[in-house]
Amino acid sequence: MLVGYCRTSTIEQEAGLEAQRRDLGASGCTKLFVEQVSSVGKRDQLMAALDFVREGDTLAVTKLDRLARSTTHLLAIVEQLDRKGVALRILDFGGSSVDTKSPSGRLMLTMFAAMGQFEREMMLERQREGIAAAKAAGKYRGRSPTAKRHSTEVRTMRSAGKSAVEIARVLGISRASVYRIFASGI
């Protein structure tokens, strides 16, 4: 059985999710697991797909970045699939597909995953350098604290007998932020 897994990071990426569904369906996937969650978040549908596949099945994804967040994560998934006798197929792998059923497919997958992780780490390093330069030039201040802006309102509402839950809902801040304001005396 060919089983597909689709993922986008946010709900705003509906077109990307539909494209994945289309491509996986066209490749012959008879069962799809779909979710819209960040790669670093808890991915229930990925876990369900890994649990669902059986010996002789193939798990398919459109692109490598839809499945794994790092080389280590990818290799752990491939190892889990191997233990179950399941192959992995990536439909768009630099213009062609790759399948872990063959030794050359596994080699290509591992090498590309390592290069992808390297590029991501380099991008994050460049980002950190850019932020440091912007801070040094006085052009970067980071995100302004949202809860602190509401500290006066939080205290007023608390003295009026409102609960933390009610204050958080009315002001559009988290309950934890309300409690932090209570504790800090801001």
Protein backbone atom coordinates (compact mmCIF):
# COMPACT_ATOMS: atom_id res chain seq x y z
CA MET A 1 0.00 0.00 0.00
CA LEU A 2 1.22 3.50 -0.80
CA VAL A 3 0.51 5.79 2.17
CA GLY A 4 0.98 9.57 1.92
CA TYR A 5 1.89 12.19 4.49
CA CYS A 6 1.17 15.91 3.87
CA ARG A 7 2.19 18.78 6.12
CA THR A 8 2.30 22.55 6.08
CA SER A 9 3.50 24.71 8.95
CA THR A 10 0.49 27.03 9.11
CA ILE A 11 -3.17 27.02 8.20
CA GLU A 12 -2.51 29.91 5.80
CA GLN A 13 -0.62 27.51 3.51
CA GLU A 14 -3.77 25.87 2.19
CA ALA A 15 -2.62 25.96 -1.45
CA GLY A 16 0.59 24.12 -0.52
CA LEU A 17 -1.38 21.48 1.34
CA GLU A 18 -3.73 21.00 -1.62
CA ALA A 19 -0.75 20.66 -3.98
CA GLN A 20 0.71 17.94 -1.75
CA ARG A 21 -2.62 16.10 -1.64
CA ARG A 22 -2.89 16.33 -5.43
CA ASP A 23 0.65 15.06 -6.05
CA LEU A 24 0.40 12.21 -3.55
CA GLY A 25 -2.98 11.19 -4.93
CA ALA A 26 -1.61 11.23 -8.48
CA SER A 27 1.29 9.03 -7.39
CA GLY A 28 -1.15 6.35 -6.22
CA CYS A 29 -1.48 6.96 -2.48
CA THR A 30 -4.63 5.28 -1.22
CA LYS A 31 -4.44 6.67 2.32
CA LEU A 32 -3.35 10.19 3.31
CA PHE A 33 -2.35 11.59 6.69
CA VAL A 34 -2.65 15.39 6.68
CA GLU A 35 -1.75 18.04 9.23
CA GLN A 36 -0.95 21.72 9.53
CA VAL A 37 1.66 22.06 12.24
CA SER A 38 5.23 23.32 12.52
CA SER A 39 7.93 20.70 12.02
CA VAL A 40 9.07 21.29 15.59
CA GLY A 41 5.57 20.88 17.02
CA LYS A 42 3.84 17.65 18.04
CA ARG A 43 2.90 15.93 14.80
CA ASP A 44 0.08 13.55 15.62
CA GLN A 45 -0.66 12.65 12.00
CA LEU A 46 2.99 11.73 11.31
CA MET A 47 2.92 9.46 14.35
CA ALA A 48 -0.39 7.98 13.12
CA ALA A 49 1.09 7.37 9.65
CA LEU A 50 4.19 5.68 11.10
CA ASP A 51 1.94 3.52 13.26
CA PHE A 52 -0.42 2.73 10.37
CA VAL A 53 2.10 1.48 7.78
CA ARG A 54 2.80 -2.27 7.63
CA GLU A 55 5.45 -4.49 6.10
CA GLY A 56 5.57 -4.05 2.32
CA ASP A 57 4.00 -0.56 2.44
CA THR A 58 5.68 2.62 1.24
CA LEU A 59 5.33 5.98 3.01
CA ALA A 60 5.36 8.82 0.48
CA VAL A 61 5.95 12.55 0.93
CA THR A 62 6.21 15.24 -1.71
CA LYS A 63 9.42 16.78 -0.36
CA LEU A 64 11.92 15.89 2.32
CA ASP A 65 11.27 19.02 4.40
CA ARG A 66 7.62 17.99 4.82
CA LEU A 67 8.77 14.91 6.76
CA ALA A 68 11.88 15.58 8.84
CA ARG A 69 13.38 18.60 10.58
CA SER A 70 17.00 17.36 10.66
CA THR A 71 19.26 14.61 9.38
CA THR A 72 19.04 12.86 12.74
CA HIS A 73 15.25 13.04 12.71
CA LEU A 74 15.11 11.73 9.13
CA LEU A 75 17.41 8.82 9.88
CA ALA A 76 15.35 7.93 12.96
CA ILE A 77 12.18 7.88 10.83
CA VAL A 78 13.89 5.77 8.14
CA GLU A 79 15.16 3.37 10.81
CA GLN A 80 11.66 3.08 12.28
CA LEU A 81 10.26 2.36 8.82
CA ASP A 82 13.03 -0.19 8.15
CA ARG A 83 12.19 -2.09 11.33
CA LYS A 84 8.63 -2.41 10.05
CA GLY A 85 9.71 -3.37 6.52
CA VAL A 86 8.36 -0.11 5.07
CA ALA A 87 10.07 1.97 2.38
CA LEU A 88 10.12 5.76 2.09
CA ARG A 89 9.51 7.56 -1.20
CA ILE A 90 10.12 11.27 -1.75
CA LEU A 91 8.36 12.43 -4.90
CA ASP A 92 10.28 15.65 -5.57
CA PHE A 93 13.90 15.07 -4.75
CA GLY A 94 15.84 17.52 -6.88
CA GLY A 95 13.70 16.88 -9.95
CA SER A 96 13.27 13.13 -9.56
CA SER A 97 11.94 10.79 -6.93
CA VAL A 98 13.97 8.72 -4.50
CA ASP A 99 13.01 5.50 -2.78
CA THR A 100 14.77 3.93 0.21
CA LYS A 101 14.19 0.44 -1.17
CA SER A 102 17.51 0.73 -3.00
CA PRO A 103 20.96 1.30 -1.43
CA SER A 104 21.62 4.21 -3.82
CA GLY A 105 18.30 5.79 -2.82
CA ARG A 106 19.27 5.57 0.86
CA LEU A 107 22.68 7.08 0.14
CA MET A 108 21.18 10.00 -1.78
CA LEU A 109 18.60 10.60 0.92
CA THR A 110 21.21 10.71 3.69
CA MET A 111 23.53 13.02 1.76
CA PHE A 112 20.78 15.46 0.79
CA ALA A 113 19.43 15.50 4.34
CA ALA A 114 22.88 16.37 5.66
CA MET A 115 23.28 19.16 3.10
CA GLY A 116 19.82 20.51 3.91
CA GLN A 117 20.58 20.59 7.62
CA PHE A 118 23.91 22.30 6.92
CA GLU A 119 22.20 24.99 4.83
CA ARG A 120 19.60 25.59 7.54
CA GLU A 121 22.29 25.98 10.19
CA MET A 122 24.20 28.41 7.96
CA MET A 123 21.02 30.43 7.38
CA LEU A 124 20.39 30.62 11.13
CA GLU A 125 23.97 31.75 11.70
CA ARG A 126 23.59 34.50 9.08
CA GLN A 127 20.33 35.52 10.72
CA ARG A 128 21.97 35.76 14.16
CA GLU A 129 24.82 37.84 12.68
CA GLY A 130 22.32 40.17 11.01
CA ILE A 131 20.38 40.65 14.24
CA ALA A 132 23.59 41.34 16.16
CA ALA A 133 24.64 43.95 13.57
CA ALA A 134 21.19 45.57 13.67
CA LYS A 135 21.28 45.69 17.48
CA ALA A 136 24.75 47.27 17.40
CA ALA A 137 23.44 49.91 14.99
CA GLY A 138 20.42 50.54 17.23
CA LYS A 139 17.97 49.37 14.55
CA TYR A 140 16.75 46.19 16.22
CA ARG A 141 14.75 46.18 19.38
CA GLY A 142 13.02 42.80 19.16
CA ARG A 143 9.36 42.20 19.73
CA SER A 144 7.71 44.69 22.04
CA PRO A 145 6.29 43.10 25.18
CA THR A 146 2.54 42.92 24.79
CA ALA A 147 1.52 42.05 28.32
CA LYS A 148 3.48 44.87 29.98
CA ARG A 149 1.43 47.39 27.99
CA HIS A 150 -1.66 46.10 29.76
CA SER A 151 -0.25 46.06 33.31
CA THR A 152 -2.31 49.08 34.45
CA GLU A 153 -5.50 47.58 33.01
CA VAL A 154 -4.70 44.20 34.59
CA ARG A 155 -4.29 45.78 38.03
CA THR A 156 -7.46 47.87 37.64
CA MET A 157 -9.48 44.83 36.59
CA ARG A 158 -8.03 42.75 39.43
CA SER A 159 -8.99 45.39 42.00
CA ALA A 160 -12.48 45.32 40.49
CA GLY A 161 -12.63 41.60 41.37
CA LYS A 162 -12.11 40.12 37.91
CA SER A 163 -10.48 36.69 37.63
CA ALA A 164 -7.18 36.09 35.80
CA VAL A 165 -9.02 34.08 33.15
CA GLU A 166 -11.50 36.89 32.55
CA ILE A 167 -8.76 39.53 32.45
CA ALA A 168 -6.75 37.49 29.94
CA ARG A 169 -9.80 37.00 27.71
CA VAL A 170 -10.82 40.65 27.76
CA LEU A 171 -7.31 42.00 27.11
CA GLY A 172 -6.28 39.31 24.63
CA ILE A 173 -3.21 38.18 26.58
CA SER A 174 -2.33 34.84 28.12
CA ARG A 175 -3.40 33.88 31.61
CA ALA A 176 0.29 33.28 32.42
CA SER A 177 1.03 36.90 31.49
CA VAL A 178 -1.71 38.07 33.84
CA TYR A 179 -0.21 36.04 36.68
CA ARG A 180 3.27 37.40 35.90
CA ILE A 181 1.92 40.95 36.17
CA PHE A 182 0.24 40.05 39.48
CA ALA A 183 3.53 38.65 40.82
CA SER A 184 5.89 41.30 39.51
CA GLY A 185 4.14 44.43 40.61
CA ILE A 186 4.68 45.97 37.13
